[in-house]
N, C-alpha and C. Protein backbone atom coordinates (compact mmCIF):
# COMPACT_ATOMS: atom_id res chain seq x y z
N MET A 1 5.34 3.53 9.34
CA MET A 1 5.07 4.87 9.76
C MET A 1 3.58 4.99 10.09
N LYS A 2 3.27 5.59 11.22
CA LYS A 2 1.89 5.74 11.63
C LYS A 2 1.24 6.92 10.92
N ALA A 3 -0.06 6.81 10.75
CA ALA A 3 -0.82 7.88 10.11
C ALA A 3 -0.95 9.06 11.07
N TYR A 4 -1.08 10.25 10.50
CA TYR A 4 -1.32 11.43 11.32
C TYR A 4 -2.69 11.32 11.98
N THR A 5 -2.84 11.92 13.15
CA THR A 5 -4.09 11.83 13.91
C THR A 5 -5.20 12.61 13.20
N MET A 6 -6.43 12.25 13.53
CA MET A 6 -7.58 12.95 12.96
C MET A 6 -7.59 14.40 13.41
N ASP A 7 -7.15 14.65 14.64
CA ASP A 7 -7.12 16.01 15.16
C ASP A 7 -6.23 16.89 14.28
N LEU A 8 -5.05 16.42 13.96
CA LEU A 8 -4.13 17.18 13.11
C LEU A 8 -4.72 17.37 11.72
N ARG A 9 -5.30 16.33 11.18
CA ARG A 9 -5.91 16.41 9.85
C ARG A 9 -7.00 17.49 9.82
N GLU A 10 -7.83 17.47 10.85
CA GLU A 10 -8.93 18.45 10.91
C GLU A 10 -8.39 19.87 11.05
N ARG A 11 -7.37 20.07 11.89
CA ARG A 11 -6.80 21.40 12.08
C ARG A 11 -6.17 21.92 10.79
N VAL A 12 -5.44 21.05 10.09
CA VAL A 12 -4.79 21.45 8.84
C VAL A 12 -5.85 21.85 7.81
N MET A 13 -6.88 21.04 7.67
CA MET A 13 -7.90 21.35 6.67
C MET A 13 -8.70 22.59 7.05
N LYS A 14 -8.91 22.83 8.34
CA LYS A 14 -9.62 24.03 8.78
C LYS A 14 -8.83 25.28 8.38
N VAL A 15 -7.53 25.26 8.65
CA VAL A 15 -6.67 26.41 8.30
C VAL A 15 -6.63 26.58 6.78
N TYR A 16 -6.54 25.46 6.06
CA TYR A 16 -6.52 25.53 4.60
C TYR A 16 -7.82 26.14 4.07
N ASP A 17 -8.96 25.69 4.63
CA ASP A 17 -10.26 26.17 4.18
C ASP A 17 -10.46 27.67 4.45
N GLU A 18 -9.80 28.18 5.48
CA GLU A 18 -9.90 29.62 5.76
C GLU A 18 -9.30 30.45 4.63
N GLY A 19 -8.33 29.88 3.93
CA GLY A 19 -7.76 30.51 2.75
C GLY A 19 -6.80 31.66 3.02
N LYS A 20 -6.37 31.83 4.24
CA LYS A 20 -5.48 32.95 4.58
C LYS A 20 -4.01 32.59 4.40
N TRP A 21 -3.69 31.31 4.44
CA TRP A 21 -2.31 30.86 4.40
C TRP A 21 -2.07 30.03 3.15
N THR A 22 -0.82 30.03 2.70
CA THR A 22 -0.44 29.17 1.58
C THR A 22 -0.19 27.76 2.13
N ILE A 23 -0.14 26.81 1.24
CA ILE A 23 0.13 25.43 1.66
C ILE A 23 1.50 25.33 2.32
N GLY A 24 2.48 26.06 1.79
CA GLY A 24 3.82 26.06 2.38
C GLY A 24 3.81 26.57 3.81
N GLN A 25 3.05 27.63 4.06
CA GLN A 25 2.96 28.18 5.42
C GLN A 25 2.24 27.22 6.36
N ILE A 26 1.20 26.59 5.85
CA ILE A 26 0.47 25.60 6.68
C ILE A 26 1.39 24.44 7.03
N ALA A 27 2.15 23.98 6.04
CA ALA A 27 3.07 22.86 6.26
C ALA A 27 4.10 23.23 7.32
N GLN A 28 4.63 24.43 7.26
CA GLN A 28 5.60 24.86 8.27
C GLN A 28 4.96 24.96 9.65
N ARG A 29 3.77 25.53 9.69
CA ARG A 29 3.09 25.73 10.98
C ARG A 29 2.83 24.40 11.69
N PHE A 30 2.37 23.40 10.93
CA PHE A 30 2.01 22.12 11.54
C PHE A 30 3.12 21.07 11.43
N LYS A 31 4.25 21.47 10.84
CA LYS A 31 5.40 20.56 10.70
C LYS A 31 5.03 19.27 9.94
N VAL A 32 4.39 19.47 8.81
CA VAL A 32 4.06 18.36 7.92
C VAL A 32 4.56 18.73 6.53
N GLY A 33 4.57 17.77 5.64
CA GLY A 33 5.02 18.03 4.28
C GLY A 33 3.92 18.65 3.43
N GLU A 34 4.35 19.48 2.49
CA GLU A 34 3.38 20.07 1.57
C GLU A 34 2.67 18.99 0.76
N TRP A 35 3.42 17.99 0.34
CA TRP A 35 2.83 16.90 -0.44
C TRP A 35 1.71 16.24 0.34
N TRP A 36 1.85 16.12 1.68
CA TRP A 36 0.82 15.47 2.50
C TRP A 36 -0.46 16.30 2.49
N ILE A 37 -0.32 17.61 2.53
CA ILE A 37 -1.50 18.47 2.49
C ILE A 37 -2.20 18.32 1.14
N HIS A 38 -1.44 18.27 0.07
CA HIS A 38 -2.02 18.05 -1.25
C HIS A 38 -2.77 16.72 -1.30
N LYS A 39 -2.15 15.68 -0.74
CA LYS A 39 -2.78 14.36 -0.71
C LYS A 39 -4.08 14.40 0.09
N LEU A 40 -4.03 15.09 1.22
CA LEU A 40 -5.21 15.18 2.08
C LEU A 40 -6.35 15.93 1.37
N LYS A 41 -5.99 17.01 0.69
CA LYS A 41 -6.99 17.76 -0.08
C LYS A 41 -7.63 16.87 -1.14
N ARG A 42 -6.79 16.15 -1.86
CA ARG A 42 -7.28 15.28 -2.94
C ARG A 42 -8.15 14.17 -2.38
N GLN A 43 -7.75 13.59 -1.27
CA GLN A 43 -8.53 12.52 -0.66
C GLN A 43 -9.91 13.05 -0.25
N ARG A 44 -9.95 14.25 0.32
CA ARG A 44 -11.23 14.83 0.73
C ARG A 44 -12.10 15.12 -0.49
N MET A 45 -11.48 15.60 -1.56
CA MET A 45 -12.23 15.90 -2.77
C MET A 45 -12.83 14.63 -3.39
N LEU A 46 -12.06 13.55 -3.41
CA LEU A 46 -12.50 12.31 -4.06
C LEU A 46 -13.45 11.49 -3.20
N THR A 47 -13.17 11.43 -1.90
CA THR A 47 -13.95 10.53 -1.04
C THR A 47 -14.85 11.25 -0.04
N GLY A 48 -14.55 12.51 0.22
CA GLY A 48 -15.34 13.25 1.18
C GLY A 48 -14.91 13.07 2.62
N VAL A 49 -13.87 12.30 2.85
CA VAL A 49 -13.36 12.07 4.21
C VAL A 49 -11.85 12.33 4.24
N ILE A 50 -11.37 12.66 5.44
CA ILE A 50 -9.93 12.90 5.58
C ILE A 50 -9.28 11.88 6.51
N ALA A 51 -10.05 10.88 6.90
CA ALA A 51 -9.52 9.83 7.78
C ALA A 51 -8.43 9.06 7.06
N PRO A 52 -7.49 8.47 7.82
CA PRO A 52 -6.45 7.66 7.18
C PRO A 52 -7.10 6.51 6.41
N ARG A 53 -6.58 6.24 5.24
CA ARG A 53 -7.12 5.15 4.43
C ARG A 53 -6.64 3.83 4.98
N LYS A 54 -7.53 2.89 4.99
CA LYS A 54 -7.17 1.55 5.43
C LYS A 54 -7.24 0.65 4.21
N GLY A 55 -6.24 -0.14 4.06
CA GLY A 55 -6.24 -1.04 2.92
C GLY A 55 -5.03 -1.92 2.96
N LYS A 56 -5.14 -2.98 2.25
CA LYS A 56 -4.01 -3.89 2.19
C LYS A 56 -3.13 -3.47 1.03
N VAL A 57 -1.86 -3.53 1.29
CA VAL A 57 -0.89 -3.15 0.29
C VAL A 57 -0.38 -4.42 -0.38
N GLY A 58 -0.17 -4.35 -1.65
CA GLY A 58 0.42 -5.47 -2.35
C GLY A 58 -0.60 -6.36 -3.02
N GLN A 59 -0.09 -7.41 -3.58
CA GLN A 59 -0.90 -8.34 -4.34
C GLN A 59 -1.58 -9.33 -3.40
N PRO A 60 -2.81 -9.75 -3.69
CA PRO A 60 -3.46 -10.75 -2.84
C PRO A 60 -2.71 -12.08 -2.91
N ARG A 61 -2.81 -12.85 -1.87
CA ARG A 61 -2.12 -14.14 -1.83
C ARG A 61 -2.68 -15.10 -2.87
N SER A 62 -1.78 -15.89 -3.44
CA SER A 62 -2.18 -16.84 -4.48
C SER A 62 -2.97 -18.00 -3.89
N PHE A 63 -2.63 -18.38 -2.68
CA PHE A 63 -3.29 -19.53 -2.07
C PHE A 63 -4.17 -19.08 -0.92
N GLN A 64 -5.47 -19.09 -1.16
CA GLN A 64 -6.47 -18.77 -0.15
C GLN A 64 -7.64 -19.72 -0.35
N GLY A 65 -8.34 -20.03 0.70
CA GLY A 65 -9.54 -20.84 0.59
C GLY A 65 -9.27 -22.22 0.04
N GLN A 66 -9.99 -22.57 -1.04
CA GLN A 66 -9.91 -23.90 -1.63
C GLN A 66 -8.51 -24.24 -2.16
N PRO A 67 -7.84 -23.36 -2.90
CA PRO A 67 -6.49 -23.71 -3.36
C PRO A 67 -5.51 -23.98 -2.20
N LEU A 68 -5.67 -23.25 -1.11
CA LEU A 68 -4.81 -23.47 0.06
C LEU A 68 -5.09 -24.84 0.66
N ALA A 69 -6.36 -25.20 0.77
CA ALA A 69 -6.72 -26.52 1.32
C ALA A 69 -6.20 -27.63 0.42
N GLU A 70 -6.29 -27.42 -0.90
CA GLU A 70 -5.79 -28.43 -1.84
C GLU A 70 -4.27 -28.59 -1.73
N LEU A 71 -3.57 -27.48 -1.56
CA LEU A 71 -2.12 -27.52 -1.37
C LEU A 71 -1.76 -28.31 -0.13
N GLU A 72 -2.43 -28.01 0.98
CA GLU A 72 -2.16 -28.74 2.22
C GLU A 72 -2.45 -30.22 2.09
N ARG A 73 -3.58 -30.53 1.46
CA ARG A 73 -3.97 -31.94 1.29
C ARG A 73 -2.91 -32.68 0.46
N TYR A 74 -2.44 -32.07 -0.62
CA TYR A 74 -1.44 -32.71 -1.47
C TYR A 74 -0.13 -32.92 -0.72
N VAL A 75 0.29 -31.92 0.04
CA VAL A 75 1.57 -32.02 0.76
C VAL A 75 1.49 -33.09 1.85
N ARG A 76 0.34 -33.23 2.47
CA ARG A 76 0.19 -34.30 3.49
C ARG A 76 0.26 -35.68 2.85
N LYS A 77 -0.35 -35.82 1.67
CA LYS A 77 -0.33 -37.12 0.99
C LYS A 77 1.03 -37.43 0.38
N HIS A 78 1.73 -36.39 -0.07
CA HIS A 78 3.02 -36.56 -0.74
C HIS A 78 4.07 -35.70 -0.04
N PRO A 79 4.52 -36.11 1.14
CA PRO A 79 5.46 -35.28 1.89
C PRO A 79 6.83 -35.14 1.21
N ASP A 80 7.18 -36.04 0.31
CA ASP A 80 8.48 -35.97 -0.35
C ASP A 80 8.43 -35.25 -1.70
N ALA A 81 7.29 -34.69 -2.06
CA ALA A 81 7.16 -34.02 -3.35
C ALA A 81 8.02 -32.75 -3.37
N THR A 82 8.63 -32.52 -4.51
CA THR A 82 9.42 -31.29 -4.67
C THR A 82 8.48 -30.13 -4.98
N LEU A 83 9.00 -28.93 -4.88
CA LEU A 83 8.19 -27.76 -5.20
C LEU A 83 7.70 -27.80 -6.65
N GLU A 84 8.56 -28.29 -7.54
CA GLU A 84 8.17 -28.39 -8.95
C GLU A 84 7.03 -29.38 -9.12
N GLN A 85 7.08 -30.50 -8.40
CA GLN A 85 6.01 -31.50 -8.50
C GLN A 85 4.70 -30.94 -7.95
N ILE A 86 4.79 -30.20 -6.86
CA ILE A 86 3.59 -29.60 -6.28
C ILE A 86 3.02 -28.59 -7.27
N HIS A 87 3.89 -27.78 -7.85
CA HIS A 87 3.47 -26.77 -8.83
C HIS A 87 2.76 -27.41 -10.01
N GLU A 88 3.36 -28.49 -10.51
CA GLU A 88 2.81 -29.21 -11.65
C GLU A 88 1.44 -29.81 -11.32
N HIS A 89 1.34 -30.44 -10.15
CA HIS A 89 0.09 -31.07 -9.74
C HIS A 89 -1.04 -30.06 -9.60
N LEU A 90 -0.74 -28.93 -8.98
CA LEU A 90 -1.77 -27.93 -8.73
C LEU A 90 -2.11 -27.13 -9.98
N GLY A 91 -1.19 -27.09 -10.94
CA GLY A 91 -1.40 -26.28 -12.13
C GLY A 91 -1.51 -24.80 -11.77
N ALA A 92 -0.78 -24.43 -10.74
CA ALA A 92 -0.86 -23.06 -10.22
C ALA A 92 -0.24 -22.07 -11.19
N SER A 93 -0.78 -20.86 -11.20
CA SER A 93 -0.26 -19.82 -12.08
C SER A 93 0.80 -18.97 -11.36
N CYS A 94 1.28 -19.46 -10.23
CA CYS A 94 2.30 -18.73 -9.46
C CYS A 94 3.66 -19.41 -9.64
N THR A 95 4.66 -18.88 -8.98
CA THR A 95 6.00 -19.47 -9.07
C THR A 95 6.21 -20.49 -7.95
N THR A 96 7.28 -21.25 -8.07
CA THR A 96 7.59 -22.22 -7.02
C THR A 96 8.00 -21.50 -5.74
N VAL A 97 8.52 -20.30 -5.86
CA VAL A 97 8.88 -19.52 -4.68
C VAL A 97 7.63 -19.19 -3.87
N THR A 98 6.54 -18.88 -4.57
CA THR A 98 5.27 -18.59 -3.89
C THR A 98 4.79 -19.82 -3.13
N ILE A 99 4.93 -20.98 -3.74
CA ILE A 99 4.53 -22.23 -3.07
C ILE A 99 5.41 -22.44 -1.85
N HIS A 100 6.71 -22.23 -2.00
CA HIS A 100 7.64 -22.37 -0.89
C HIS A 100 7.24 -21.44 0.27
N ASN A 101 6.99 -20.16 -0.05
CA ASN A 101 6.62 -19.19 0.99
C ASN A 101 5.31 -19.57 1.66
N THR A 102 4.36 -20.08 0.90
CA THR A 102 3.08 -20.49 1.46
C THR A 102 3.27 -21.66 2.41
N LEU A 103 4.08 -22.63 2.02
CA LEU A 103 4.34 -23.78 2.89
C LEU A 103 5.05 -23.35 4.17
N ARG A 104 5.97 -22.42 4.06
CA ARG A 104 6.64 -21.91 5.27
C ARG A 104 5.65 -21.20 6.18
N ARG A 105 4.75 -20.42 5.58
CA ARG A 105 3.74 -19.71 6.37
C ARG A 105 2.82 -20.69 7.08
N LEU A 106 2.57 -21.85 6.45
CA LEU A 106 1.73 -22.89 7.05
C LEU A 106 2.47 -23.69 8.11
N GLY A 107 3.76 -23.48 8.24
CA GLY A 107 4.52 -24.16 9.27
C GLY A 107 5.31 -25.36 8.79
N TYR A 108 5.34 -25.60 7.50
CA TYR A 108 6.12 -26.72 6.98
C TYR A 108 7.58 -26.32 6.90
N ARG A 109 8.42 -27.11 7.56
CA ARG A 109 9.86 -26.90 7.52
C ARG A 109 10.48 -28.24 7.15
N PHE A 110 11.24 -28.26 6.09
CA PHE A 110 11.82 -29.52 5.65
C PHE A 110 13.34 -29.47 5.76
N LYS A 111 13.88 -30.59 6.19
CA LYS A 111 15.33 -30.73 6.19
C LYS A 111 15.64 -32.17 5.79
N LYS A 112 16.84 -32.40 5.39
CA LYS A 112 17.22 -33.76 5.00
C LYS A 112 17.94 -34.43 6.15
N ASN A 113 17.63 -35.71 6.35
CA ASN A 113 18.34 -36.45 7.39
C ASN A 113 19.57 -37.11 6.77
N ALA A 114 20.27 -37.89 7.54
CA ALA A 114 21.53 -38.49 7.11
C ALA A 114 21.35 -39.39 5.88
N ALA A 115 20.21 -40.01 5.75
CA ALA A 115 19.99 -40.92 4.63
C ALA A 115 19.58 -40.18 3.35
N GLY A 116 19.45 -38.85 3.44
CA GLY A 116 19.08 -38.08 2.28
C GLY A 116 17.58 -38.00 2.07
N GLN A 117 16.83 -38.46 3.04
CA GLN A 117 15.37 -38.42 2.97
C GLN A 117 14.88 -37.11 3.60
N ARG A 118 13.76 -36.64 3.14
CA ARG A 118 13.18 -35.45 3.77
C ARG A 118 12.39 -35.87 4.99
N THR A 119 12.56 -35.09 6.04
CA THR A 119 11.78 -35.32 7.24
C THR A 119 11.18 -34.01 7.68
N ARG A 120 10.03 -34.09 8.27
CA ARG A 120 9.39 -32.85 8.74
C ARG A 120 10.00 -32.49 10.07
N SER A 121 10.43 -31.25 10.19
CA SER A 121 10.95 -30.80 11.47
C SER A 121 10.03 -29.71 12.00
N SER A 122 9.95 -29.61 13.30
CA SER A 122 9.06 -28.62 13.91
C SER A 122 9.85 -27.48 14.48
C-alpha cells in the first residue's frame, strides 16, 4: 500500500490545527481513517514531521558482509556440503532454513543427478 501524499497530509493537519472539526469529521471529509489521523498527529508530535516514514521492516539479514563472504567461500570449496554441515562449520546463530534462503538469494540451485550426486544448476 502506498503512503498518502504530502499534500493530503498537510491539508489534514491544517484542518485539524484549526480546531473546528472533530477527527471523525476530518476523516470523512478527506476519506481517510481516524486511526491514520491519530498516527499522523503522534508522528508530528514525536518527530516534528508528517512525511511518510521510511524504514526497513523486519529483522536484518543474518548474512551480510564478512559472514556472507565466508558462507560463499565455504560453499565454493565444499559444493556437496549439506545445510547442517554448513551451519556447523559457520557456527551461525541462525537456522538452516536461513542458510538455505541465503544460498537461494545468491543464486545457488542444487539438484541431484541420476547418480545421486549434487550438481549445480543454473
